Protein backbone atom coordinates (compact mmCIF):
# COMPACT_ATOMS: atom_id res chain seq x y z
CA UNK A 1 0.00 0.00 0.00
CA UNK A 2 1.17 3.51 -0.76
CA UNK A 3 2.41 5.67 2.11
CA UNK A 4 3.26 9.06 0.67
CA UNK A 5 0.58 11.60 -0.18
CA UNK A 6 1.62 11.73 -3.81
CA UNK A 7 1.60 7.94 -4.17
CA UNK A 8 -1.83 7.74 -2.50
CA UNK A 9 -3.14 10.27 -5.01
CA UNK A 10 -1.55 8.32 -7.86
CA UNK A 11 -3.26 5.14 -6.64
CA UNK A 12 -6.64 6.93 -6.56
CA UNK A 13 -6.11 8.24 -10.08
CA UNK A 14 -5.13 4.77 -11.31
CA UNK A 15 -8.38 3.30 -9.98
CA UNK A 16 -10.43 5.94 -11.81
CA UNK A 17 -8.45 5.45 -15.00
CA UNK A 18 -8.79 1.66 -14.82
CA UNK A 19 -12.57 1.94 -14.42
CA UNK A 20 -12.85 4.32 -17.39
CA UNK A 21 -10.67 2.09 -19.58
CA UNK A 22 -12.61 -1.00 -18.55
CA UNK A 23 -15.93 0.63 -19.51
CA UNK A 24 -14.54 1.90 -22.82
CA UNK A 25 -13.11 -1.51 -23.71
CA UNK A 26 -16.37 -3.22 -22.81
CA UNK A 27 -18.35 -0.87 -25.06
CA UNK A 28 -15.89 -1.50 -27.87
CA UNK A 29 -16.23 -5.27 -27.51
CA UNK A 30 -20.03 -5.02 -27.54
CA UNK A 31 -19.95 -2.95 -30.73
CA UNK A 32 -17.63 -5.48 -32.37
CA UNK A 33 -19.90 -8.31 -31.30
CA UNK A 34 -22.87 -6.61 -32.98
CA UNK A 35 -20.94 -6.35 -36.25
CA UNK A 36 -19.80 -9.98 -36.13
CA UNK A 37 -23.33 -11.19 -35.36
CA UNK A 38 -24.76 -9.19 -38.27
CA UNK A 39 -22.10 -10.55 -40.62
CA UNK A 40 -22.75 -14.13 -39.46
CA UNK A 41 -26.49 -13.74 -40.02
CA UNK A 42 -25.92 -12.24 -43.49
CA UNK A 43 -27.64 -8.91 -42.82
CA UNK A 44 -25.49 -6.47 -44.75
CA UNK A 45 -27.43 -3.28 -43.96
CA UNK A 46 -27.44 -4.05 -40.22
CA UNK A 47 -23.74 -4.93 -40.41
CA UNK A 48 -22.97 -1.62 -42.14
CA UNK A 49 -24.77 0.38 -39.45
CA UNK A 50 -23.07 -1.57 -36.67
CA UNK A 51 -19.73 -1.13 -38.45
CA UNK A 52 -20.04 2.65 -38.37
CA UNK A 53 -20.60 2.58 -34.63
CA UNK A 54 -17.81 0.06 -34.05
CA UNK A 55 -15.41 2.19 -36.09
CA UNK A 56 -16.03 5.08 -33.73
CA UNK A 57 -15.38 2.93 -30.65
CA UNK A 58 -12.23 1.40 -32.14
CA UNK A 59 -10.77 4.74 -33.24
CA UNK A 60 -11.44 6.28 -29.84
CA UNK A 61 -9.88 3.31 -28.04
CA UNK A 62 -6.82 3.59 -30.28
CA UNK A 63 -6.44 7.29 -29.58
CA UNK A 64 -6.76 6.80 -25.82
CA UNK A 65 -4.24 3.92 -25.82
CA UNK A 66 -6.80 1.46 -24.54
CA UNK A 67 -5.70 -0.67 -27.47
CA UNK A 68 -2.77 0.01 -29.74
CA UNK A 69 -3.54 2.47 -32.53
CA UNK A 70 -2.39 0.05 -35.23
CA UNK A 71 -4.54 -2.70 -33.74
CA UNK A 72 -7.56 -0.39 -33.98
CA UNK A 73 -6.73 0.38 -37.60
CA UNK A 74 -6.24 -3.31 -38.42
CA UNK A 75 -9.57 -4.29 -36.84
CA UNK A 76 -11.43 -1.56 -38.73
CA UNK A 77 -9.83 -2.67 -41.98
CA UNK A 78 -10.70 -6.34 -41.44
CA UNK A 79 -14.29 -5.55 -40.50
CA UNK A 80 -14.68 -3.41 -43.60
CA UNK A 81 -13.24 -6.14 -45.80
CA UNK A 82 -15.62 -8.73 -44.38
CA UNK A 83 -18.63 -6.46 -44.97
CA UNK A 84 -17.52 -5.82 -48.53
CA UNK A 85 -17.09 -9.56 -49.06
CA UNK A 86 -20.77 -10.01 -48.13
CA UNK A 87 -21.79 -7.78 -51.04
CA UNK A 88 -19.73 -9.72 -53.56
PDB file of N, CA and C in Angstrom:
ATOM      1  N   UNK A   1       0.846  -1.185   0.000  1.00  0.00           N
ATOM      2  CA  UNK A   1       0.000   0.000   0.000  1.00  0.00           C
ATOM      3  C   UNK A   1       0.883   1.236   0.000  1.00  0.00           C
ATOM      4  N   UNK A   2       0.418   2.270  -0.661  1.00  0.00           N
ATOM      5  CA  UNK A   2       1.170   3.513  -0.764  1.00  0.00           C
ATOM      6  C   UNK A   2       1.187   4.232   0.578  1.00  0.00           C
ATOM      7  N   UNK A   3       2.275   4.950   0.844  1.00  0.00           N
ATOM      8  CA  UNK A   3       2.412   5.668   2.106  1.00  0.00           C
ATOM      9  C   UNK A   3       2.470   7.175   1.929  1.00  0.00           C
ATOM     10  N   UNK A   4       3.120   7.631   0.884  1.00  0.00           N
ATOM     11  CA  UNK A   4       3.260   9.065   0.674  1.00  0.00           C
ATOM     12  C   UNK A   4       1.976   9.645   0.080  1.00  0.00           C
ATOM     13  N   UNK A   5       1.791  10.925   0.312  1.00  0.00           N
ATOM     14  CA  UNK A   5       0.583  11.597  -0.175  1.00  0.00           C
ATOM     15  C   UNK A   5       0.494  11.516  -1.691  1.00  0.00           C
ATOM     16  N   UNK A   6       1.625  11.738  -2.343  1.00  0.00           N
ATOM     17  CA  UNK A   6       1.623  11.727  -3.808  1.00  0.00           C
ATOM     18  C   UNK A   6       1.329  10.325  -4.352  1.00  0.00           C
ATOM     19  N   UNK A   7       1.854   9.299  -3.689  1.00  0.00           N
ATOM     20  CA  UNK A   7       1.597   7.942  -4.167  1.00  0.00           C
ATOM     21  C   UNK A   7       0.166   7.501  -3.853  1.00  0.00           C
ATOM     22  N   UNK A   8      -0.424   8.011  -2.797  1.00  0.00           N
ATOM     23  CA  UNK A   8      -1.831   7.738  -2.498  1.00  0.00           C
ATOM     24  C   UNK A   8      -2.724   8.360  -3.576  1.00  0.00           C
ATOM     25  N   UNK A   9      -2.376   9.596  -3.951  1.00  0.00           N
ATOM     26  CA  UNK A   9      -3.141  10.269  -5.008  1.00  0.00           C
ATOM     27  C   UNK A   9      -3.003   9.509  -6.323  1.00  0.00           C
ATOM     28  N   UNK A  10      -1.797   9.061  -6.620  1.00  0.00           N
ATOM     29  CA  UNK A  10      -1.552   8.318  -7.855  1.00  0.00           C
ATOM     30  C   UNK A  10      -2.386   7.041  -7.876  1.00  0.00           C
ATOM     31  N   UNK A  11      -2.474   6.376  -6.734  1.00  0.00           N
ATOM     32  CA  UNK A  11      -3.261   5.145  -6.638  1.00  0.00           C
ATOM     33  C   UNK A  11      -4.746   5.435  -6.878  1.00  0.00           C
ATOM     34  N   UNK A  12      -5.238   6.553  -6.338  1.00  0.00           N
ATOM     35  CA  UNK A  12      -6.639   6.933  -6.557  1.00  0.00           C
ATOM     36  C   UNK A  12      -6.888   7.216  -8.040  1.00  0.00           C
ATOM     37  N   UNK A  13      -5.962   7.916  -8.664  1.00  0.00           N
ATOM     38  CA  UNK A  13      -6.106   8.236 -10.084  1.00  0.00           C
ATOM     39  C   UNK A  13      -6.082   6.969 -10.937  1.00  0.00           C
ATOM     40  N   UNK A  14      -5.228   6.019 -10.560  1.00  0.00           N
ATOM     41  CA  UNK A  14      -5.130   4.772 -11.314  1.00  0.00           C
ATOM     42  C   UNK A  14      -6.432   3.980 -11.259  1.00  0.00           C
ATOM     43  N   UNK A  15      -7.096   4.004 -10.115  1.00  0.00           N
ATOM     44  CA  UNK A  15      -8.380   3.299  -9.981  1.00  0.00           C
ATOM     45  C   UNK A  15      -9.420   3.923 -10.910  1.00  0.00           C
ATOM     46  N   UNK A  16      -9.477   5.254 -10.940  1.00  0.00           N
ATOM     47  CA  UNK A  16     -10.429   5.940 -11.811  1.00  0.00           C
ATOM     48  C   UNK A  16     -10.132   5.642 -13.289  1.00  0.00           C
ATOM     49  N   UNK A  17      -8.851   5.688 -13.627  1.00  0.00           N
ATOM     50  CA  UNK A  17      -8.450   5.446 -15.005  1.00  0.00           C
ATOM     51  C   UNK A  17      -8.764   4.014 -15.420  1.00  0.00           C
ATOM     52  N   UNK A  18      -8.518   3.057 -14.521  1.00  0.00           N
ATOM     53  CA  UNK A  18      -8.793   1.662 -14.821  1.00  0.00           C
ATOM     54  C   UNK A  18     -10.289   1.447 -15.070  1.00  0.00           C
ATOM     55  N   UNK A  19     -11.117   2.080 -14.252  1.00  0.00           N
ATOM     56  CA  UNK A  19     -12.568   1.942 -14.424  1.00  0.00           C
ATOM     57  C   UNK A  19     -13.033   2.537 -15.751  1.00  0.00           C
ATOM     58  N   UNK A  20     -12.495   3.702 -16.107  1.00  0.00           N
ATOM     59  CA  UNK A  20     -12.851   4.321 -17.391  1.00  0.00           C
ATOM     60  C   UNK A  20     -12.418   3.441 -18.555  1.00  0.00           C
ATOM     61  N   UNK A  21     -11.179   2.934 -18.500  1.00  0.00           N
ATOM     62  CA  UNK A  21     -10.666   2.089 -19.576  1.00  0.00           C
ATOM     63  C   UNK A  21     -11.472   0.808 -19.699  1.00  0.00           C
ATOM     64  N   UNK A  22     -11.847   0.243 -18.554  1.00  0.00           N
ATOM     65  CA  UNK A  22     -12.609  -0.996 -18.555  1.00  0.00           C
ATOM     66  C   UNK A  22     -13.970  -0.781 -19.223  1.00  0.00           C
ATOM     67  N   UNK A  23     -14.623   0.328 -18.911  1.00  0.00           N
ATOM     68  CA  UNK A  23     -15.926   0.633 -19.509  1.00  0.00           C
ATOM     69  C   UNK A  23     -15.794   0.879 -21.004  1.00  0.00           C
ATOM     70  N   UNK A  24     -14.760   1.602 -21.394  1.00  0.00           N
ATOM     71  CA  UNK A  24     -14.537   1.901 -22.818  1.00  0.00           C
ATOM     72  C   UNK A  24     -14.268   0.622 -23.606  1.00  0.00           C
ATOM     73  N   UNK A  25     -13.451  -0.259 -23.040  1.00  0.00           N
ATOM     74  CA  UNK A  25     -13.111  -1.507 -23.711  1.00  0.00           C
ATOM     75  C   UNK A  25     -14.333  -2.414 -23.821  1.00  0.00           C
ATOM     76  N   UNK A  26     -15.151  -2.418 -22.798  1.00  0.00           N
ATOM     77  CA  UNK A  26     -16.368  -3.223 -22.811  1.00  0.00           C
ATOM     78  C   UNK A  26     -17.326  -2.738 -23.898  1.00  0.00           C
ATOM     79  N   UNK A  27     -17.486  -1.433 -24.019  1.00  0.00           N
ATOM     80  CA  UNK A  27     -18.353  -0.870 -25.065  1.00  0.00           C
ATOM     81  C   UNK A  27     -17.825  -1.209 -26.454  1.00  0.00           C
ATOM     82  N   UNK A  28     -16.507  -1.170 -26.592  1.00  0.00           N
ATOM     83  CA  UNK A  28     -15.885  -1.499 -27.869  1.00  0.00           C
ATOM     84  C   UNK A  28     -16.154  -2.957 -28.228  1.00  0.00           C
ATOM     85  N   UNK A  29     -15.993  -3.851 -27.263  1.00  0.00           N
ATOM     86  CA  UNK A  29     -16.227  -5.273 -27.513  1.00  0.00           C
ATOM     87  C   UNK A  29     -17.682  -5.537 -27.891  1.00  0.00           C
ATOM     88  N   UNK A  30     -18.611  -4.849 -27.230  1.00  0.00           N
ATOM     89  CA  UNK A  30     -20.030  -5.023 -27.539  1.00  0.00           C
ATOM     90  C   UNK A  30     -20.326  -4.573 -28.961  1.00  0.00           C
ATOM     91  N   UNK A  31     -19.744  -3.448 -29.364  1.00  0.00           N
ATOM     92  CA  UNK A  31     -19.949  -2.951 -30.728  1.00  0.00           C
ATOM     93  C   UNK A  31     -19.384  -3.936 -31.755  1.00  0.00           C
ATOM     94  N   UNK A  32     -18.227  -4.498 -31.467  1.00  0.00           N
ATOM     95  CA  UNK A  32     -17.629  -5.483 -32.373  1.00  0.00           C
ATOM     96  C   UNK A  32     -18.494  -6.740 -32.460  1.00  0.00           C
ATOM     97  N   UNK A  33     -19.045  -7.128 -31.334  1.00  0.00           N
ATOM     98  CA  UNK A  33     -19.898  -8.311 -31.301  1.00  0.00           C
ATOM     99  C   UNK A  33     -21.139  -8.111 -32.167  1.00  0.00           C
ATOM    100  N   UNK A  34     -21.707  -6.911 -32.154  1.00  0.00           N
ATOM    101  CA  UNK A  34     -22.872  -6.614 -32.983  1.00  0.00           C
ATOM    102  C   UNK A  34     -22.532  -6.744 -34.469  1.00  0.00           C
ATOM    103  N   UNK A  35     -21.355  -6.262 -34.838  1.00  0.00           N
ATOM    104  CA  UNK A  35     -20.939  -6.351 -36.248  1.00  0.00           C
ATOM    105  C   UNK A  35     -20.752  -7.814 -36.646  1.00  0.00           C
ATOM    106  N   UNK A  36     -20.054  -8.572 -35.812  1.00  0.00           N
ATOM    107  CA  UNK A  36     -19.795  -9.976 -36.132  1.00  0.00           C
ATOM    108  C   UNK A  36     -21.093 -10.777 -36.215  1.00  0.00           C
ATOM    109  N   UNK A  37     -22.038 -10.489 -35.323  1.00  0.00           N
ATOM    110  CA  UNK A  37     -23.326 -11.189 -35.360  1.00  0.00           C
ATOM    111  C   UNK A  37     -24.095 -10.865 -36.638  1.00  0.00           C
ATOM    112  N   UNK A  38     -24.061  -9.592 -37.045  1.00  0.00           N
ATOM    113  CA  UNK A  38     -24.757  -9.193 -38.267  1.00  0.00           C
ATOM    114  C   UNK A  38     -24.115  -9.831 -39.496  1.00  0.00           C
ATOM    115  N   UNK A  39     -22.801  -9.924 -39.500  1.00  0.00           N
ATOM    116  CA  UNK A  39     -22.100 -10.554 -40.624  1.00  0.00           C
ATOM    117  C   UNK A  39     -22.436 -12.042 -40.672  1.00  0.00           C
ATOM    118  N   UNK A  40     -22.457 -12.691 -39.510  1.00  0.00           N
ATOM    119  CA  UNK A  40     -22.748 -14.127 -39.458  1.00  0.00           C
ATOM    120  C   UNK A  40     -24.173 -14.429 -39.915  1.00  0.00           C
ATOM    121  N   UNK A  41     -25.099 -13.517 -39.621  1.00  0.00           N
ATOM    122  CA  UNK A  41     -26.492 -13.745 -40.020  1.00  0.00           C
ATOM    123  C   UNK A  41     -26.764 -13.299 -41.459  1.00  0.00           C
ATOM    124  N   UNK A  42     -25.792 -12.635 -42.092  1.00  0.00           N
ATOM    125  CA  UNK A  42     -25.923 -12.244 -43.490  1.00  0.00           C
ATOM    126  C   UNK A  42     -26.718 -10.968 -43.722  1.00  0.00           C
ATOM    127  N   UNK A  43     -26.889 -10.167 -42.695  1.00  0.00           N
ATOM    128  CA  UNK A  43     -27.640  -8.911 -42.819  1.00  0.00           C
ATOM    129  C   UNK A  43     -26.659  -7.779 -43.104  1.00  0.00           C
ATOM    130  N   UNK A  44     -26.517  -7.449 -44.375  1.00  0.00           N
ATOM    131  CA  UNK A  44     -25.489  -6.474 -44.752  1.00  0.00           C
ATOM    132  C   UNK A  44     -25.823  -5.062 -44.275  1.00  0.00           C
ATOM    133  N   UNK A  45     -27.080  -4.643 -44.369  1.00  0.00           N
ATOM    134  CA  UNK A  45     -27.430  -3.284 -43.961  1.00  0.00           C
ATOM    135  C   UNK A  45     -27.263  -3.099 -42.455  1.00  0.00           C
ATOM    136  N   UNK A  46     -27.626  -4.111 -41.680  1.00  0.00           N
ATOM    137  CA  UNK A  46     -27.436  -4.049 -40.224  1.00  0.00           C
ATOM    138  C   UNK A  46     -25.940  -4.047 -39.897  1.00  0.00           C
ATOM    139  N   UNK A  47     -25.183  -4.862 -40.625  1.00  0.00           N
ATOM    140  CA  UNK A  47     -23.736  -4.934 -40.409  1.00  0.00           C
ATOM    141  C   UNK A  47     -23.077  -3.591 -40.720  1.00  0.00           C
ATOM    142  N   UNK A  48     -23.553  -2.925 -41.768  1.00  0.00           N
ATOM    143  CA  UNK A  48     -22.969  -1.624 -42.137  1.00  0.00           C
ATOM    144  C   UNK A  48     -23.231  -0.585 -41.060  1.00  0.00           C
ATOM    145  N   UNK A  49     -24.457  -0.565 -40.516  1.00  0.00           N
ATOM    146  CA  UNK A  49     -24.775   0.383 -39.446  1.00  0.00           C
ATOM    147  C   UNK A  49     -23.961   0.090 -38.192  1.00  0.00           C
ATOM    148  N   UNK A  50     -23.851  -1.186 -37.847  1.00  0.00           N
ATOM    149  CA  UNK A  50     -23.071  -1.574 -36.669  1.00  0.00           C
ATOM    150  C   UNK A  50     -21.592  -1.274 -36.881  1.00  0.00           C
ATOM    151  N   UNK A  51     -21.130  -1.412 -38.125  1.00  0.00           N
ATOM    152  CA  UNK A  51     -19.728  -1.134 -38.448  1.00  0.00           C
ATOM    153  C   UNK A  51     -19.388   0.333 -38.212  1.00  0.00           C
ATOM    154  N   UNK A  52     -20.298   1.223 -38.579  1.00  0.00           N
ATOM    155  CA  UNK A  52     -20.041   2.650 -38.373  1.00  0.00           C
ATOM    156  C   UNK A  52     -19.885   2.975 -36.887  1.00  0.00           C
ATOM    157  N   UNK A  53     -20.707   2.362 -36.066  1.00  0.00           N
ATOM    158  CA  UNK A  53     -20.602   2.582 -34.626  1.00  0.00           C
ATOM    159  C   UNK A  53     -19.325   1.949 -34.072  1.00  0.00           C
ATOM    160  N   UNK A  54     -19.008   0.746 -34.524  1.00  0.00           N
ATOM    161  CA  UNK A  54     -17.808   0.059 -34.046  1.00  0.00           C
ATOM    162  C   UNK A  54     -16.543   0.809 -34.447  1.00  0.00           C
ATOM    163  N   UNK A  55     -16.556   1.408 -35.630  1.00  0.00           N
ATOM    164  CA  UNK A  55     -15.409   2.193 -36.086  1.00  0.00           C
ATOM    165  C   UNK A  55     -15.121   3.337 -35.120  1.00  0.00           C
ATOM    166  N   UNK A  56     -16.185   3.976 -34.673  1.00  0.00           N
ATOM    167  CA  UNK A  56     -16.025   5.075 -33.727  1.00  0.00           C
ATOM    168  C   UNK A  56     -15.405   4.590 -32.423  1.00  0.00           C
ATOM    169  N   UNK A  57     -15.909   3.474 -31.902  1.00  0.00           N
ATOM    170  CA  UNK A  57     -15.380   2.925 -30.652  1.00  0.00           C
ATOM    171  C   UNK A  57     -13.918   2.510 -30.806  1.00  0.00           C
ATOM    172  N   UNK A  58     -13.606   1.861 -31.922  1.00  0.00           N
ATOM    173  CA  UNK A  58     -12.232   1.404 -32.136  1.00  0.00           C
ATOM    174  C   UNK A  58     -11.259   2.571 -32.274  1.00  0.00           C
ATOM    175  N   UNK A  59     -11.648   3.582 -33.044  1.00  0.00           N
ATOM    176  CA  UNK A  59     -10.770   4.735 -33.239  1.00  0.00           C
ATOM    177  C   UNK A  59     -10.527   5.454 -31.918  1.00  0.00           C
ATOM    178  N   UNK A  60     -11.580   5.603 -31.137  1.00  0.00           N
ATOM    179  CA  UNK A  60     -11.441   6.280 -29.845  1.00  0.00           C
ATOM    180  C   UNK A  60     -10.547   5.476 -28.904  1.00  0.00           C
ATOM    181  N   UNK A  61     -10.716   4.154 -28.895  1.00  0.00           N
ATOM    182  CA  UNK A  61      -9.883   3.305 -28.042  1.00  0.00           C
ATOM    183  C   UNK A  61      -8.421   3.371 -28.478  1.00  0.00           C
ATOM    184  N   UNK A  62      -8.185   3.463 -29.781  1.00  0.00           N
ATOM    185  CA  UNK A  62      -6.818   3.586 -30.279  1.00  0.00           C
ATOM    186  C   UNK A  62      -6.185   4.908 -29.901  1.00  0.00           C
ATOM    187  N   UNK A  63      -6.970   5.977 -29.944  1.00  0.00           N
ATOM    188  CA  UNK A  63      -6.442   7.293 -29.580  1.00  0.00           C
ATOM    189  C   UNK A  63      -6.139   7.398 -28.091  1.00  0.00           C
ATOM    190  N   UNK A  64      -6.932   6.721 -27.282  1.00  0.00           N
ATOM    191  CA  UNK A  64      -6.763   6.800 -25.824  1.00  0.00           C
ATOM    192  C   UNK A  64      -5.811   5.733 -25.292  1.00  0.00           C
ATOM    193  N   UNK A  65      -5.176   4.981 -26.193  1.00  0.00           N
ATOM    194  CA  UNK A  65      -4.237   3.923 -25.821  1.00  0.00           C
ATOM    195  C   UNK A  65      -4.873   2.828 -24.984  1.00  0.00           C
ATOM    196  N   UNK A  66      -6.157   2.598 -25.180  1.00  0.00           N
ATOM    197  CA  UNK A  66      -6.805   1.463 -24.538  1.00  0.00           C
ATOM    198  C   UNK A  66      -6.421   0.202 -25.298  1.00  0.00           C
ATOM    199  N   UNK A  67      -6.346   0.322 -26.620  1.00  0.00           N
ATOM    200  CA  UNK A  67      -5.702  -0.674 -27.470  1.00  0.00           C
ATOM    201  C   UNK A  67      -4.695   0.080 -28.312  1.00  0.00           C
ATOM    202  N   UNK A  68      -3.778  -0.641 -28.919  1.00  0.00           N
ATOM    203  CA  UNK A  68      -2.769   0.013 -29.737  1.00  0.00           C
ATOM    204  C   UNK A  68      -3.440   0.622 -30.974  1.00  0.00           C
ATOM    205  N   UNK A  69      -2.943   1.748 -31.404  1.00  0.00           N
ATOM    206  CA  UNK A  69      -3.538   2.467 -32.527  1.00  0.00           C
ATOM    207  C   UNK A  69      -3.532   1.624 -33.801  1.00  0.00           C
ATOM    208  N   UNK A  70      -2.457   0.885 -34.025  1.00  0.00           N
ATOM    209  CA  UNK A  70      -2.391   0.049 -35.226  1.00  0.00           C
ATOM    210  C   UNK A  70      -3.332  -1.143 -35.120  1.00  0.00           C
ATOM    211  N   UNK A  71      -3.574  -1.623 -33.917  1.00  0.00           N
ATOM    212  CA  UNK A  71      -4.540  -2.701 -33.745  1.00  0.00           C
ATOM    213  C   UNK A  71      -5.950  -2.203 -34.075  1.00  0.00           C
ATOM    214  N   UNK A  72      -6.254  -0.982 -33.670  1.00  0.00           N
ATOM    215  CA  UNK A  72      -7.559  -0.394 -33.982  1.00  0.00           C
ATOM    216  C   UNK A  72      -7.715  -0.268 -35.494  1.00  0.00           C
ATOM    217  N   UNK A  73      -6.695   0.218 -36.162  1.00  0.00           N
ATOM    218  CA  UNK A  73      -6.726   0.376 -37.605  1.00  0.00           C
ATOM    219  C   UNK A  73      -6.892  -0.969 -38.304  1.00  0.00           C
ATOM    220  N   UNK A  74      -6.175  -1.969 -37.830  1.00  0.00           N
ATOM    221  CA  UNK A  74      -6.243  -3.307 -38.421  1.00  0.00           C
ATOM    222  C   UNK A  74      -7.638  -3.910 -38.251  1.00  0.00           C
ATOM    223  N   UNK A  75      -8.222  -3.745 -37.079  1.00  0.00           N
ATOM    224  CA  UNK A  75      -9.567  -4.292 -36.839  1.00  0.00           C
ATOM    225  C   UNK A  75     -10.613  -3.603 -37.724  1.00  0.00           C
ATOM    226  N   UNK A  76     -10.500  -2.291 -37.863  1.00  0.00           N
ATOM    227  CA  UNK A  76     -11.427  -1.559 -38.730  1.00  0.00           C
ATOM    228  C   UNK A  76     -11.305  -2.054 -40.163  1.00  0.00           C
ATOM    229  N   UNK A  77     -10.074  -2.228 -40.619  1.00  0.00           N
ATOM    230  CA  UNK A  77      -9.825  -2.673 -41.982  1.00  0.00           C
ATOM    231  C   UNK A  77     -10.404  -4.062 -42.219  1.00  0.00           C
ATOM    232  N   UNK A  78     -10.206  -4.969 -41.281  1.00  0.00           N
ATOM    233  CA  UNK A  78     -10.699  -6.336 -41.442  1.00  0.00           C
ATOM    234  C   UNK A  78     -12.221  -6.395 -41.406  1.00  0.00           C
ATOM    235  N   UNK A  79     -12.832  -5.594 -40.540  1.00  0.00           N
ATOM    236  CA  UNK A  79     -14.290  -5.553 -40.497  1.00  0.00           C
ATOM    237  C   UNK A  79     -14.851  -5.035 -41.821  1.00  0.00           C
ATOM    238  N   UNK A  80     -14.237  -3.979 -42.330  1.00  0.00           N
ATOM    239  CA  UNK A  80     -14.684  -3.405 -43.598  1.00  0.00           C
ATOM    240  C   UNK A  80     -14.544  -4.408 -44.731  1.00  0.00           C
ATOM    241  N   UNK A  81     -13.449  -5.142 -44.747  1.00  0.00           N
ATOM    242  CA  UNK A  81     -13.243  -6.138 -45.797  1.00  0.00           C
ATOM    243  C   UNK A  81     -14.281  -7.244 -45.711  1.00  0.00           C
ATOM    244  N   UNK A  82     -14.632  -7.647 -44.503  1.00  0.00           N
ATOM    245  CA  UNK A  82     -15.616  -8.734 -44.376  1.00  0.00           C
ATOM    246  C   UNK A  82     -17.017  -8.266 -44.775  1.00  0.00           C
ATOM    247  N   UNK A  83     -17.330  -6.998 -44.530  1.00  0.00           N
ATOM    248  CA  UNK A  83     -18.631  -6.464 -44.965  1.00  0.00           C
ATOM    249  C   UNK A  83     -18.667  -6.349 -46.483  1.00  0.00           C
ATOM    250  N   UNK A  84     -17.564  -5.907 -47.071  1.00  0.00           N
ATOM    251  CA  UNK A  84     -17.522  -5.820 -48.533  1.00  0.00           C
ATOM    252  C   UNK A  84     -17.602  -7.187 -49.176  1.00  0.00           C
ATOM    253  N   UNK A  85     -17.040  -8.205 -48.521  1.00  0.00           N
ATOM    254  CA  UNK A  85     -17.088  -9.558 -49.062  1.00  0.00           C
ATOM    255  C   UNK A  85     -18.523 -10.091 -49.063  1.00  0.00           C
ATOM    256  N   UNK A  86     -19.356  -9.600 -48.158  1.00  0.00           N
ATOM    257  CA  UNK A  86     -20.768 -10.009 -48.135  1.00  0.00           C
ATOM    258  C   UNK A  86     -21.486  -9.541 -49.397  1.00  0.00           C
ATOM    259  N   UNK A  87     -21.123  -8.354 -49.871  1.00  0.00           N
ATOM    260  CA  UNK A  87     -21.787  -7.777 -51.035  1.00  0.00           C
ATOM    261  C   UNK A  87     -21.414  -8.517 -52.321  1.00  0.00           C
ATOM    262  N   UNK A  88     -20.207  -9.050 -52.331  1.00  0.00           N
ATOM    263  CA  UNK A  88     -19.730  -9.717 -53.557  1.00  0.00           C
ATOM    264  C   UNK A  88     -20.332 -11.091 -53.734  1.00  0.00           C
TER     265      UNK A  88
END
